[in-house]
Amino acid sequence: MSQVTIYTKAYCPYCVRAKSVLDNKGVSYQEIRIDEKPELRPEMIERAGGRSTVPQIFIDSRHIGGCDDMMALDASGQLDPLLNL
């Protein structure tokens, strides 16, 4: 299975939705809460090519974007292969 990293904040409905999709697929992920660790926000922005909203989702070393981007990949059947499901 692929390594998934998701940058989140508390009370973010898009973060909750993205994590729910991953949970429903049985995918484990590393969650980095940038509201608890604000020093990691610049790292997230750099890794995400300048995007500063949450969630920012990475599968292995590939940035796939935010929640809507992940949902679009799932709807088109491209998410499961990235996750090695």
N, C-alpha and C. Protein backbone atom coordinates (compact mmCIF):
# COMPACT_ATOMS: atom_id res chain seq x y z
N MET A 1 0.84 -1.18 0.00
CA MET A 1 0.00 0.00 0.00
C MET A 1 0.89 1.24 0.00
N SER A 2 0.40 2.29 -0.62
CA SER A 2 1.15 3.54 -0.72
C SER A 2 1.19 4.27 0.61
N GLN A 3 2.19 5.14 0.75
CA GLN A 3 2.30 5.99 1.93
C GLN A 3 1.53 7.28 1.66
N VAL A 4 0.58 7.58 2.53
CA VAL A 4 -0.27 8.76 2.36
C VAL A 4 0.01 9.73 3.51
N THR A 5 0.20 10.99 3.15
CA THR A 5 0.37 12.06 4.12
C THR A 5 -0.69 13.11 3.83
N ILE A 6 -1.36 13.56 4.88
CA ILE A 6 -2.40 14.58 4.72
C ILE A 6 -2.18 15.67 5.76
N TYR A 7 -2.05 16.89 5.28
CA TYR A 7 -1.94 18.06 6.15
C TYR A 7 -3.34 18.57 6.43
N THR A 8 -3.66 18.78 7.71
CA THR A 8 -5.02 19.14 8.09
C THR A 8 -5.03 20.23 9.17
N LYS A 9 -6.24 20.67 9.48
CA LYS A 9 -6.53 21.53 10.62
C LYS A 9 -7.80 20.98 11.28
N ALA A 10 -7.96 21.26 12.56
CA ALA A 10 -9.19 20.89 13.25
C ALA A 10 -10.35 21.70 12.68
N TYR A 11 -11.53 21.14 12.74
CA TYR A 11 -12.75 21.84 12.32
C TYR A 11 -12.76 22.20 10.84
N CYS A 12 -12.04 21.44 10.04
CA CYS A 12 -12.01 21.65 8.59
C CYS A 12 -12.87 20.57 7.95
N PRO A 13 -14.03 20.94 7.40
CA PRO A 13 -14.91 19.92 6.83
C PRO A 13 -14.29 19.18 5.64
N TYR A 14 -13.45 19.86 4.88
CA TYR A 14 -12.80 19.20 3.74
C TYR A 14 -11.78 18.17 4.24
N CYS A 15 -11.12 18.48 5.35
CA CYS A 15 -10.17 17.53 5.94
C CYS A 15 -10.91 16.29 6.43
N VAL A 16 -12.04 16.50 7.10
CA VAL A 16 -12.85 15.39 7.61
C VAL A 16 -13.31 14.52 6.44
N ARG A 17 -13.75 15.15 5.38
CA ARG A 17 -14.24 14.40 4.22
C ARG A 17 -13.12 13.59 3.57
N ALA A 18 -11.95 14.19 3.40
CA ALA A 18 -10.82 13.50 2.78
C ALA A 18 -10.39 12.31 3.64
N LYS A 19 -10.31 12.51 4.95
CA LYS A 19 -9.92 11.42 5.85
C LYS A 19 -10.97 10.31 5.84
N SER A 20 -12.23 10.68 5.72
CA SER A 20 -13.31 9.69 5.67
C SER A 20 -13.18 8.80 4.44
N VAL A 21 -12.86 9.40 3.31
CA VAL A 21 -12.67 8.61 2.08
C VAL A 21 -11.53 7.61 2.28
N LEU A 22 -10.42 8.08 2.83
CA LEU A 22 -9.29 7.19 3.06
C LEU A 22 -9.64 6.11 4.07
N ASP A 23 -10.33 6.49 5.14
CA ASP A 23 -10.75 5.51 6.15
C ASP A 23 -11.65 4.44 5.55
N ASN A 24 -12.61 4.87 4.72
CA ASN A 24 -13.54 3.93 4.10
C ASN A 24 -12.84 2.96 3.16
N LYS A 25 -11.72 3.38 2.60
CA LYS A 25 -10.93 2.51 1.72
C LYS A 25 -9.95 1.65 2.51
N GLY A 26 -9.87 1.87 3.82
CA GLY A 26 -8.95 1.10 4.65
C GLY A 26 -7.51 1.52 4.51
N VAL A 27 -7.31 2.78 4.11
CA VAL A 27 -5.96 3.30 3.88
C VAL A 27 -5.46 3.99 5.14
N SER A 28 -4.28 3.61 5.59
CA SER A 28 -3.68 4.32 6.71
C SER A 28 -2.95 5.54 6.17
N TYR A 29 -2.85 6.55 7.01
CA TYR A 29 -2.22 7.80 6.56
C TYR A 29 -1.57 8.48 7.74
N GLN A 30 -0.60 9.32 7.42
CA GLN A 30 0.03 10.17 8.41
C GLN A 30 -0.67 11.51 8.35
N GLU A 31 -1.27 11.92 9.45
CA GLU A 31 -1.94 13.22 9.51
C GLU A 31 -1.02 14.22 10.19
N ILE A 32 -0.81 15.34 9.54
CA ILE A 32 0.00 16.42 10.11
C ILE A 32 -0.93 17.59 10.34
N ARG A 33 -1.20 17.89 11.60
CA ARG A 33 -2.11 18.97 11.97
C ARG A 33 -1.33 20.28 12.03
N ILE A 34 -1.49 21.13 11.02
CA ILE A 34 -0.72 22.37 11.00
C ILE A 34 -1.27 23.41 11.96
N ASP A 35 -2.46 23.18 12.53
CA ASP A 35 -2.93 24.08 13.58
C ASP A 35 -2.24 23.76 14.91
N GLU A 36 -1.83 22.51 15.09
CA GLU A 36 -1.09 22.13 16.29
C GLU A 36 0.41 22.32 16.12
N LYS A 37 0.88 22.24 14.88
CA LYS A 37 2.31 22.39 14.58
C LYS A 37 2.46 23.42 13.46
N PRO A 38 2.23 24.71 13.76
CA PRO A 38 2.28 25.73 12.72
C PRO A 38 3.65 25.86 12.06
N GLU A 39 4.69 25.39 12.70
CA GLU A 39 6.02 25.44 12.10
C GLU A 39 6.13 24.53 10.87
N LEU A 40 5.17 23.61 10.69
CA LEU A 40 5.18 22.73 9.52
C LEU A 40 4.38 23.29 8.34
N ARG A 41 3.71 24.40 8.54
CA ARG A 41 2.93 25.01 7.45
C ARG A 41 3.81 25.40 6.26
N PRO A 42 4.98 26.06 6.47
CA PRO A 42 5.83 26.37 5.32
C PRO A 42 6.27 25.13 4.54
N GLU A 43 6.52 24.04 5.25
CA GLU A 43 6.88 22.78 4.59
C GLU A 43 5.74 22.31 3.70
N MET A 44 4.51 22.37 4.22
CA MET A 44 3.34 21.97 3.45
C MET A 44 3.21 22.82 2.19
N ILE A 45 3.34 24.13 2.34
CA ILE A 45 3.19 25.05 1.20
C ILE A 45 4.25 24.77 0.15
N GLU A 46 5.47 24.52 0.58
CA GLU A 46 6.54 24.21 -0.37
C GLU A 46 6.27 22.90 -1.08
N ARG A 47 5.91 21.87 -0.33
CA ARG A 47 5.63 20.57 -0.94
C ARG A 47 4.44 20.64 -1.90
N ALA A 48 3.48 21.52 -1.58
CA ALA A 48 2.24 21.62 -2.37
C ALA A 48 2.35 22.64 -3.50
N GLY A 49 3.54 23.10 -3.80
CA GLY A 49 3.72 24.02 -4.93
C GLY A 49 3.07 25.37 -4.70
N GLY A 50 3.03 25.82 -3.44
CA GLY A 50 2.48 27.13 -3.14
C GLY A 50 1.05 27.12 -2.63
N ARG A 51 0.40 25.99 -2.67
CA ARG A 51 -0.98 25.92 -2.16
C ARG A 51 -0.96 25.95 -0.64
N SER A 52 -1.83 26.78 -0.07
CA SER A 52 -1.79 26.98 1.38
C SER A 52 -3.06 26.54 2.11
N THR A 53 -4.03 26.05 1.37
CA THR A 53 -5.27 25.58 2.01
C THR A 53 -5.11 24.14 2.47
N VAL A 54 -5.98 23.73 3.39
CA VAL A 54 -5.98 22.34 3.82
C VAL A 54 -7.29 21.68 3.41
N PRO A 55 -7.28 20.40 3.18
CA PRO A 55 -6.14 19.51 3.30
C PRO A 55 -5.24 19.59 2.07
N GLN A 56 -4.00 19.20 2.25
CA GLN A 56 -3.08 18.94 1.15
C GLN A 56 -2.68 17.48 1.30
N ILE A 57 -2.86 16.73 0.22
CA ILE A 57 -2.73 15.28 0.28
C ILE A 57 -1.61 14.83 -0.65
N PHE A 58 -0.79 13.92 -0.11
CA PHE A 58 0.34 13.36 -0.85
C PHE A 58 0.24 11.85 -0.80
N ILE A 59 0.43 11.23 -1.95
CA ILE A 59 0.50 9.78 -2.04
C ILE A 59 1.90 9.45 -2.51
N ASP A 60 2.63 8.74 -1.64
CA ASP A 60 4.06 8.55 -1.81
C ASP A 60 4.68 9.94 -1.93
N SER A 61 5.39 10.25 -2.97
CA SER A 61 5.97 11.59 -3.08
C SER A 61 5.14 12.50 -3.99
N ARG A 62 4.01 12.01 -4.46
CA ARG A 62 3.19 12.77 -5.41
C ARG A 62 2.13 13.61 -4.70
N HIS A 63 2.10 14.89 -5.02
CA HIS A 63 1.08 15.78 -4.49
C HIS A 63 -0.18 15.61 -5.34
N ILE A 64 -1.27 15.21 -4.71
CA ILE A 64 -2.51 15.05 -5.48
C ILE A 64 -3.47 16.21 -5.28
N GLY A 65 -3.16 17.11 -4.36
CA GLY A 65 -3.99 18.29 -4.17
C GLY A 65 -4.82 18.21 -2.90
N GLY A 66 -5.98 18.83 -2.96
CA GLY A 66 -6.88 18.89 -1.81
C GLY A 66 -7.99 17.86 -1.89
N CYS A 67 -9.00 18.06 -1.09
CA CYS A 67 -10.12 17.13 -1.02
C CYS A 67 -10.83 16.99 -2.36
N ASP A 68 -11.16 18.11 -2.99
CA ASP A 68 -11.88 18.05 -4.27
C ASP A 68 -11.05 17.34 -5.33
N ASP A 69 -9.73 17.56 -5.31
CA ASP A 69 -8.85 16.87 -6.26
C ASP A 69 -8.87 15.37 -6.03
N MET A 70 -8.82 14.97 -4.76
CA MET A 70 -8.85 13.54 -4.44
C MET A 70 -10.19 12.93 -4.82
N MET A 71 -11.28 13.65 -4.58
CA MET A 71 -12.61 13.15 -4.95
C MET A 71 -12.72 12.97 -6.46
N ALA A 72 -12.14 13.89 -7.22
CA ALA A 72 -12.17 13.78 -8.68
C ALA A 72 -11.37 12.56 -9.14
N LEU A 73 -10.22 12.33 -8.51
CA LEU A 73 -9.44 11.13 -8.85
C LEU A 73 -10.23 9.87 -8.53
N ASP A 74 -10.92 9.87 -7.40
CA ASP A 74 -11.71 8.70 -7.02
C ASP A 74 -12.85 8.48 -8.01
N ALA A 75 -13.54 9.55 -8.38
CA ALA A 75 -14.67 9.43 -9.30
C ALA A 75 -14.24 8.92 -10.68
N SER A 76 -13.01 9.25 -11.08
CA SER A 76 -12.53 8.82 -12.39
C SER A 76 -11.82 7.46 -12.35
N GLY A 77 -11.77 6.85 -11.16
CA GLY A 77 -11.15 5.54 -11.03
C GLY A 77 -9.64 5.58 -10.94
N GLN A 78 -9.07 6.75 -10.75
CA GLN A 78 -7.61 6.87 -10.72
C GLN A 78 -7.02 6.83 -9.31
N LEU A 79 -7.84 6.96 -8.27
CA LEU A 79 -7.32 7.01 -6.91
C LEU A 79 -6.86 5.64 -6.42
N ASP A 80 -7.66 4.62 -6.60
CA ASP A 80 -7.29 3.29 -6.10
C ASP A 80 -5.95 2.81 -6.65
N PRO A 81 -5.66 2.96 -7.95
CA PRO A 81 -4.34 2.55 -8.42
C PRO A 81 -3.19 3.32 -7.77
N LEU A 82 -3.41 4.62 -7.49
CA LEU A 82 -2.37 5.40 -6.80
C LEU A 82 -2.14 4.88 -5.39
N LEU A 83 -3.21 4.40 -4.76
CA LEU A 83 -3.13 3.87 -3.40
C LEU A 83 -2.68 2.41 -3.38
N ASN A 84 -2.50 1.83 -4.56
CA ASN A 84 -2.14 0.41 -4.69
C ASN A 84 -3.19 -0.49 -4.05
N LEU A 85 -4.46 -0.17 -4.30
CA LEU A 85 -5.56 -0.99 -3.76
C LEU A 85 -6.00 -2.02 -4.77
